[in-house]
Each structure stands twice: as structure tokens, then as C-alpha cells.
Amino acid sequence: MAYTEQCRDVSELNILCQMLLEKALIEIRSVGINPLIVETYRTQARQNYLYSVGRTVTGTKVTWTQASIHTSKNAVDLVPQRNINGKMTAIWNAGDKETKKIIETMVKYGFEAGANWAVSPDSPHFQIKNVSSSAKSYSEDNTNTYITKLIQKLLNTKMKAELIVDGKWGAKTTRAVNKFRAQQGWVEDGKVGIQTLKKLLA
């Protein structure tokens, strides 16, 4: 793939990110919104190229950073698309009703929304920060506020764990994870891996 080409392949994302995105997309489509995946994984070469546009390459500035989470396989750009005058058209409007619903749903599934940034907001952008591109589990040592809140909410729903949904993964969260894992007959390792996440999301 040339460094100027966009990748829209969901399978290029981290497996945990894929799972959360796919669940979010199902919910988004269920309310009649037609989401367009604009970009998923981005090579560092492409990120560097995009950063150069409007700076050393002629054009309008595209991005403010060379350190995008896209390069860590944990980010997706997503907008609604609608039929306008017989043509499917991407909607690039943070104030659009469908855009707001996409943002709400993506946050519900553990994504940080660029639309909510105080500096340089980016409404199509959703990311899972501080998680390795090869990570196959979330744990106290591998998570962030958004993912922790999601897992706490899921545990509360599945187990009535009565966790404080504050995004802080402490001993109580680990105990609830281990209790849930034990109920499935799995090792109590304090991690929410692929199978655990599937069970929690079911």
C-alpha cells in the first residue's frame, strides 16, 4: 500500500479495538445511520506525509501531529453518510444529529472521541490510547479511563458487581474480573482478554 493511500480495513486494527468497533457499528446501524469508515490503520510514513500537507507540501493542513494513534492500530475515523440528491455523501459536521449519535455510541464502547477534545477537536476521530497495537487483553497495567469505565459497566451489568464507574482500575475491579473469569471456568489472571470481552459484550 502506497503511503498516500487510506486504509479502511477493520481487520488491520488491534483485535480488541476491532471487537469494540464492530459492536459499536452494529448499534449505530440499528438506529438507521449509515456509517462510513474513513480510515483505520495508518503507517507512520502516511502520517508523516499527512503532516507535511500544508507545511512542506502544497495544500490545506490535514493533521496537527506526527504521533497519531492510527499508527498504533487503535484508532478509526468514522462519519455518517447519507443519500443527498441521489449520491451517497459523507457528512463532515460535528453538529449533525447522526454524527452526535455516532460519537455517543463510540464513547459507550470505550473509545475516546476527538470531538470532545478541548484543543484541536476532531469529530471523525475515535481512539483507544495507551494500549499496545499487539495487546490481546486489558488489565490494571494495560488500560485507560475509557476502557476501564466500559469494563466496569459491563461487569456491573453481568454480575451486579456495584463497582464505582470512575475509570480507575483498582483491586475491586480486578476481583470482579477474576470472579467473572472463574464463573466461565477460566484462570483468574485479572485480565479481560478476547474471550472475556466477548462474554461481557454478549
C-alpha atoms as a PDB file:
ATOM      1  CA  MET A   1       0.000   0.000   0.000  1.00  0.00           C
ATOM      2  CA  ALA A   2       1.415   3.379  -1.026  1.00  0.00           C
ATOM      3  CA  TYR A   3       1.902   5.785   1.838  1.00  0.00           C
ATOM      4  CA  THR A   4      -0.634   8.182   0.323  1.00  0.00           C
ATOM      5  CA  GLU A   5      -3.437   5.570   0.343  1.00  0.00           C
ATOM      6  CA  GLN A   6      -6.080   5.338   3.056  1.00  0.00           C
ATOM      7  CA  CYS A   7      -6.668   2.011   4.797  1.00  0.00           C
ATOM      8  CA  ARG A   8     -10.309   1.298   5.659  1.00  0.00           C
ATOM      9  CA  ASP A   9      -9.804  -2.322   6.618  1.00  0.00           C
ATOM     10  CA  VAL A  10     -11.139  -3.008  10.130  1.00  0.00           C
ATOM     11  CA  SER A  11      -9.071  -6.205  10.319  1.00  0.00           C
ATOM     12  CA  GLU A  12      -5.907  -4.075  10.334  1.00  0.00           C
ATOM     13  CA  LEU A  13      -6.837  -2.791  13.790  1.00  0.00           C
ATOM     14  CA  ASN A  14      -5.828  -4.342  17.101  1.00  0.00           C
ATOM     15  CA  ILE A  15      -8.150  -7.303  17.758  1.00  0.00           C
ATOM     16  CA  LEU A  16      -9.655  -5.701  20.892  1.00  0.00           C
ATOM     17  CA  CYS A  17     -10.240  -2.430  19.046  1.00  0.00           C
ATOM     18  CA  GLN A  18     -11.859  -4.409  16.208  1.00  0.00           C
ATOM     19  CA  MET A  19     -14.295  -6.078  18.572  1.00  0.00           C
ATOM     20  CA  LEU A  20     -15.391  -2.825  20.195  1.00  0.00           C
ATOM     21  CA  LEU A  21     -15.705  -1.072  16.840  1.00  0.00           C
ATOM     22  CA  GLU A  22     -17.793  -3.894  15.376  1.00  0.00           C
ATOM     23  CA  LYS A  23     -20.194  -3.796  18.341  1.00  0.00           C
ATOM     24  CA  ALA A  24     -20.472  -0.020  18.036  1.00  0.00           C
ATOM     25  CA  LEU A  25     -21.156  -0.260  14.286  1.00  0.00           C
ATOM     26  CA  ILE A  26     -23.965  -2.764  14.874  1.00  0.00           C
ATOM     27  CA  GLU A  27     -25.618  -0.355  17.295  1.00  0.00           C
ATOM     28  CA  ILE A  28     -25.074   2.640  15.018  1.00  0.00           C
ATOM     29  CA  ARG A  29     -26.652   0.845  12.053  1.00  0.00           C
ATOM     30  CA  SER A  30     -29.551  -0.371  14.204  1.00  0.00           C
ATOM     31  CA  VAL A  31     -30.831   3.209  14.526  1.00  0.00           C
ATOM     32  CA  GLY A  32     -30.756   3.801  10.774  1.00  0.00           C
ATOM     33  CA  ILE A  33     -27.374   5.525  10.495  1.00  0.00           C
ATOM     34  CA  ASN A  34     -25.107   4.509   7.621  1.00  0.00           C
ATOM     35  CA  PRO A  35     -21.529   4.877   8.954  1.00  0.00           C
ATOM     36  CA  LEU A  36     -18.578   5.391   6.633  1.00  0.00           C
ATOM     37  CA  ILE A  37     -15.207   4.116   7.816  1.00  0.00           C
ATOM     38  CA  VAL A  38     -12.831   6.761   6.528  1.00  0.00           C
ATOM     39  CA  GLU A  39      -9.578   5.312   7.841  1.00  0.00           C
ATOM     40  CA  THR A  40      -8.302   2.681  10.258  1.00  0.00           C
ATOM     41  CA  TYR A  41      -4.596   1.760  10.417  1.00  0.00           C
ATOM     42  CA  ARG A  42      -2.161   4.388   9.179  1.00  0.00           C
ATOM     43  CA  THR A  43       1.524   3.774   8.561  1.00  0.00           C
ATOM     44  CA  GLN A  44       3.977   6.218  10.072  1.00  0.00           C
ATOM     45  CA  ALA A  45       5.053   7.106   6.530  1.00  0.00           C
ATOM     46  CA  ARG A  46       1.475   8.115   5.695  1.00  0.00           C
ATOM     47  CA  GLN A  47       1.152  10.041   8.958  1.00  0.00           C
ATOM     48  CA  ASN A  48       4.351  11.923   8.151  1.00  0.00           C
ATOM     49  CA  TYR A  49       3.035  12.671   4.660  1.00  0.00           C
ATOM     50  CA  LEU A  50      -0.294  13.976   6.007  1.00  0.00           C
ATOM     51  CA  TYR A  51       1.584  16.173   8.476  1.00  0.00           C
ATOM     52  CA  SER A  52       3.619  17.649   5.623  1.00  0.00           C
ATOM     53  CA  VAL A  53       0.492  18.741   3.724  1.00  0.00           C
ATOM     54  CA  GLY A  54       0.021  22.453   4.287  1.00  0.00           C
ATOM     55  CA  ARG A  55       3.541  22.737   5.663  1.00  0.00           C
ATOM     56  CA  THR A  56       6.172  21.487   3.215  1.00  0.00           C
ATOM     57  CA  VAL A  57       3.672  20.113   0.681  1.00  0.00           C
ATOM     58  CA  THR A  58       1.104  22.350  -1.013  1.00  0.00           C
ATOM     59  CA  GLY A  59      -2.408  22.015   0.366  1.00  0.00           C
ATOM     60  CA  THR A  60      -4.621  22.612   3.388  1.00  0.00           C
ATOM     61  CA  LYS A  61      -3.336  21.251   6.707  1.00  0.00           C
ATOM     62  CA  VAL A  62      -4.721  17.784   7.398  1.00  0.00           C
ATOM     63  CA  THR A  63      -3.335  16.917  10.825  1.00  0.00           C
ATOM     64  CA  TRP A  64      -1.663  18.671  13.730  1.00  0.00           C
ATOM     65  CA  THR A  65       0.526  15.750  14.823  1.00  0.00           C
ATOM     66  CA  GLN A  66       3.013  13.161  13.593  1.00  0.00           C
ATOM     67  CA  ALA A  67       2.206  10.924  16.581  1.00  0.00           C
ATOM     68  CA  SER A  68      -1.269   9.629  15.743  1.00  0.00           C
ATOM     69  CA  ILE A  69      -2.894   6.639  17.473  1.00  0.00           C
ATOM     70  CA  HIS A  70      -3.800   5.475  13.947  1.00  0.00           C
ATOM     71  CA  THR A  71      -0.220   4.189  13.663  1.00  0.00           C
ATOM     72  CA  SER A  72      -0.794   2.041  16.772  1.00  0.00           C
ATOM     73  CA  LYS A  73      -3.772   0.283  15.145  1.00  0.00           C
ATOM     74  CA  ASN A  74      -6.104   1.632  17.815  1.00  0.00           C
ATOM     75  CA  ALA A  75      -7.939   4.431  16.016  1.00  0.00           C
ATOM     76  CA  VAL A  76     -10.647   4.873  13.411  1.00  0.00           C
ATOM     77  CA  ASP A  77     -12.093   7.849  11.570  1.00  0.00           C
ATOM     78  CA  LEU A  78     -15.858   7.453  11.210  1.00  0.00           C
ATOM     79  CA  VAL A  79     -18.602   9.692   9.804  1.00  0.00           C
ATOM     80  CA  PRO A  80     -22.234   9.209   8.785  1.00  0.00           C
ATOM     81  CA  GLN A  81     -23.124   9.128   5.120  1.00  0.00           C
ATOM     82  CA  ARG A  82     -26.489   9.937   3.573  1.00  0.00           C
ATOM     83  CA  ASN A  83     -28.121   9.900   0.169  1.00  0.00           C
ATOM     84  CA  ILE A  84     -28.182  13.517  -0.974  1.00  0.00           C
ATOM     85  CA  ASN A  85     -29.606  14.174  -4.431  1.00  0.00           C
ATOM     86  CA  GLY A  86     -29.088  10.538  -5.376  1.00  0.00           C
ATOM     87  CA  LYS A  87     -25.468  10.358  -4.206  1.00  0.00           C
ATOM     88  CA  MET A  88     -24.051   8.868  -1.012  1.00  0.00           C
ATOM     89  CA  THR A  89     -22.353  11.774   0.721  1.00  0.00           C
ATOM     90  CA  ALA A  90     -20.099  11.793   3.782  1.00  0.00           C
ATOM     91  CA  ILE A  91     -21.241  14.229   6.473  1.00  0.00           C
ATOM     92  CA  TRP A  92     -18.355  16.203   7.972  1.00  0.00           C
ATOM     93  CA  ASN A  93     -20.321  18.165  10.538  1.00  0.00           C
ATOM     94  CA  ALA A  94     -19.756  17.821  14.283  1.00  0.00           C
ATOM     95  CA  GLY A  95     -23.171  19.360  14.931  1.00  0.00           C
ATOM     96  CA  ASP A  96     -25.017  16.868  12.748  1.00  0.00           C
ATOM     97  CA  LYS A  97     -27.574  14.740  14.611  1.00  0.00           C
ATOM     98  CA  GLU A  98     -26.200  11.449  13.233  1.00  0.00           C
ATOM     99  CA  THR A  99     -22.616  12.497  13.949  1.00  0.00           C
ATOM    100  CA  LYS A 100     -23.573  13.177  17.567  1.00  0.00           C
ATOM    101  CA  LYS A 101     -25.165   9.723  17.813  1.00  0.00           C
ATOM    102  CA  ILE A 102     -22.018   8.099  16.420  1.00  0.00           C
ATOM    103  CA  ILE A 103     -19.909   9.978  18.985  1.00  0.00           C
ATOM    104  CA  GLU A 104     -22.219   8.917  21.827  1.00  0.00           C
ATOM    105  CA  THR A 105     -22.133   5.278  20.747  1.00  0.00           C
ATOM    106  CA  MET A 106     -18.384   5.095  20.208  1.00  0.00           C
ATOM    107  CA  VAL A 107     -17.748   6.556  23.675  1.00  0.00           C
ATOM    108  CA  LYS A 108     -20.177   3.980  25.090  1.00  0.00           C
ATOM    109  CA  TYR A 109     -17.936   1.248  23.637  1.00  0.00           C
ATOM    110  CA  GLY A 110     -14.721   2.568  25.168  1.00  0.00           C
ATOM    111  CA  PHE A 111     -13.420   4.960  22.506  1.00  0.00           C
ATOM    112  CA  GLU A 112     -12.054   8.416  23.241  1.00  0.00           C
ATOM    113  CA  ALA A 113     -13.812  10.837  20.890  1.00  0.00           C
ATOM    114  CA  GLY A 114     -11.739  13.508  19.175  1.00  0.00           C
ATOM    115  CA  ALA A 115     -14.867  15.664  19.089  1.00  0.00           C
ATOM    116  CA  ASN A 116     -14.563  16.083  22.864  1.00  0.00           C
ATOM    117  CA  TRP A 117     -11.006  17.413  22.839  1.00  0.00           C
ATOM    118  CA  ALA A 118     -10.651  20.935  24.219  1.00  0.00           C
ATOM    119  CA  VAL A 119      -7.753  21.639  21.832  1.00  0.00           C
ATOM    120  CA  SER A 120      -7.891  20.758  18.108  1.00  0.00           C
ATOM    121  CA  PRO A 121     -11.180  18.792  18.250  1.00  0.00           C
ATOM    122  CA  ASP A 122     -11.514  16.156  15.533  1.00  0.00           C
ATOM    123  CA  SER A 123     -15.095  14.869  15.314  1.00  0.00           C
ATOM    124  CA  PRO A 124     -14.489  11.914  12.938  1.00  0.00           C
ATOM    125  CA  HIS A 125     -11.658  10.542  15.104  1.00  0.00           C
ATOM    126  CA  PHE A 126     -12.027   7.817  17.737  1.00  0.00           C
ATOM    127  CA  GLN A 127      -9.132   6.153  19.557  1.00  0.00           C
ATOM    128  CA  ILE A 128      -8.032   3.758  22.279  1.00  0.00           C
ATOM    129  CA  LYS A 129      -4.943   5.394  23.721  1.00  0.00           C
ATOM    130  CA  ASN A 130      -2.149   3.842  25.808  1.00  0.00           C
ATOM    131  CA  VAL A 131      -2.835   0.279  24.645  1.00  0.00           C
ATOM    132  CA  SER A 132      -0.239  -1.658  22.641  1.00  0.00           C
ATOM    133  CA  SER A 133      -1.029  -2.415  18.988  1.00  0.00           C
ATOM    134  CA  SER A 134      -0.410  -6.107  19.738  1.00  0.00           C
ATOM    135  CA  ALA A 135      -2.294  -6.233  23.065  1.00  0.00           C
ATOM    136  CA  LYS A 136      -4.822  -9.059  23.387  1.00  0.00           C
ATOM    137  CA  SER A 137      -6.103  -8.190  26.842  1.00  0.00           C
ATOM    138  CA  TYR A 138      -6.989  -5.286  29.100  1.00  0.00           C
ATOM    139  CA  SER A 139      -5.817  -5.264  32.712  1.00  0.00           C
ATOM    140  CA  GLU A 140      -4.808  -2.899  35.503  1.00  0.00           C
ATOM    141  CA  ASP A 141      -1.467  -2.467  33.709  1.00  0.00           C
ATOM    142  CA  ASN A 142      -2.906  -2.127  30.195  1.00  0.00           C
ATOM    143  CA  THR A 143      -5.947   0.100  30.034  1.00  0.00           C
ATOM    144  CA  ASN A 144      -7.169   3.694  30.060  1.00  0.00           C
ATOM    145  CA  THR A 145     -10.056   5.624  31.604  1.00  0.00           C
ATOM    146  CA  TYR A 146     -12.483   4.942  28.740  1.00  0.00           C
ATOM    147  CA  ILE A 147     -11.824   1.199  28.536  1.00  0.00           C
ATOM    148  CA  THR A 148     -11.885   0.809  32.312  1.00  0.00           C
ATOM    149  CA  LYS A 149     -15.260   2.575  32.540  1.00  0.00           C
ATOM    150  CA  LEU A 150     -16.623   0.272  29.825  1.00  0.00           C
ATOM    151  CA  ILE A 151     -15.400  -2.872  31.587  1.00  0.00           C
ATOM    152  CA  GLN A 152     -16.726  -1.671  34.942  1.00  0.00           C
ATOM    153  CA  LYS A 153     -20.154  -1.008  33.422  1.00  0.00           C
ATOM    154  CA  LEU A 154     -20.195  -4.418  31.737  1.00  0.00           C
ATOM    155  CA  LEU A 155     -19.215  -6.165  34.976  1.00  0.00           C
ATOM    156  CA  ASN A 156     -21.915  -4.252  36.852  1.00  0.00           C
ATOM    157  CA  THR A 157     -24.492  -5.382  34.300  1.00  0.00           C
ATOM    158  CA  LYS A 158     -23.379  -9.022  34.183  1.00  0.00           C
ATOM    159  CA  MET A 159     -22.608  -9.560  37.847  1.00  0.00           C
ATOM    160  CA  LYS A 160     -24.183  -6.723  39.834  1.00  0.00           C
ATOM    161  CA  ALA A 161     -20.638  -6.011  40.971  1.00  0.00           C
ATOM    162  CA  GLU A 162     -21.568  -2.497  42.156  1.00  0.00           C
ATOM    163  CA  LEU A 163     -18.283  -1.008  41.007  1.00  0.00           C
ATOM    164  CA  ILE A 164     -17.744   2.728  41.027  1.00  0.00           C
ATOM    165  CA  VAL A 165     -17.607   3.550  37.318  1.00  0.00           C
ATOM    166  CA  ASP A 166     -14.808   6.101  37.581  1.00  0.00           C
ATOM    167  CA  GLY A 167     -12.281   4.748  35.109  1.00  0.00           C
ATOM    168  CA  LYS A 168      -9.828   3.696  37.817  1.00  0.00           C
ATOM    169  CA  TRP A 169      -8.877   0.024  37.672  1.00  0.00           C
ATOM    170  CA  GLY A 170      -8.139  -0.965  41.227  1.00  0.00           C
ATOM    171  CA  ALA A 171      -8.299  -4.097  43.358  1.00  0.00           C
ATOM    172  CA  LYS A 172     -12.106  -4.203  43.314  1.00  0.00           C
ATOM    173  CA  THR A 173     -12.175  -4.212  39.519  1.00  0.00           C
ATOM    174  CA  THR A 174      -9.566  -6.957  39.367  1.00  0.00           C
ATOM    175  CA  ARG A 175     -11.544  -9.061  41.864  1.00  0.00           C
ATOM    176  CA  ALA A 176     -14.707  -8.633  39.786  1.00  0.00           C
ATOM    177  CA  VAL A 177     -12.823  -9.620  36.613  1.00  0.00           C
ATOM    178  CA  ASN A 178     -11.444 -12.712  38.352  1.00  0.00           C
ATOM    179  CA  LYS A 179     -14.869 -13.655  39.696  1.00  0.00           C
ATOM    180  CA  PHE A 180     -16.351 -13.366  36.218  1.00  0.00           C
ATOM    181  CA  ARG A 181     -13.494 -15.425  34.757  1.00  0.00           C
ATOM    182  CA  ALA A 182     -13.970 -18.089  37.445  1.00  0.00           C
ATOM    183  CA  GLN A 183     -17.651 -18.354  36.524  1.00  0.00           C
ATOM    184  CA  GLN A 184     -16.558 -19.228  32.991  1.00  0.00           C
ATOM    185  CA  GLY A 185     -14.105 -21.820  34.296  1.00  0.00           C
ATOM    186  CA  TRP A 186     -11.075 -19.757  33.322  1.00  0.00           C
ATOM    187  CA  VAL A 187      -7.833 -18.881  35.129  1.00  0.00           C
ATOM    188  CA  GLU A 188      -8.196 -15.890  37.438  1.00  0.00           C
ATOM    189  CA  ASP A 189      -5.471 -13.715  35.925  1.00  0.00           C
ATOM    190  CA  GLY A 190      -7.124 -10.292  36.313  1.00  0.00           C
ATOM    191  CA  LYS A 191      -7.231  -9.777  32.540  1.00  0.00           C
ATOM    192  CA  VAL A 192     -10.080  -9.086  30.153  1.00  0.00           C
ATOM    193  CA  GLY A 193      -8.908 -10.849  27.023  1.00  0.00           C
ATOM    194  CA  ILE A 194     -10.669 -11.625  23.762  1.00  0.00           C
ATOM    195  CA  GLN A 195     -12.981 -14.348  25.094  1.00  0.00           C
ATOM    196  CA  THR A 196     -13.763 -12.451  28.311  1.00  0.00           C
ATOM    197  CA  LEU A 197     -14.604  -9.310  26.338  1.00  0.00           C
ATOM    198  CA  LYS A 198     -16.855 -11.313  24.013  1.00  0.00           C
ATOM    199  CA  LYS A 199     -18.743 -12.746  27.001  1.00  0.00           C
ATOM    200  CA  LEU A 200     -19.082  -9.332  28.628  1.00  0.00           C
ATOM    201  CA  LEU A 201     -20.352  -7.767  25.394  1.00  0.00           C
ATOM    202  CA  ALA A 202     -22.801 -10.582  24.618  1.00  0.00           C
END
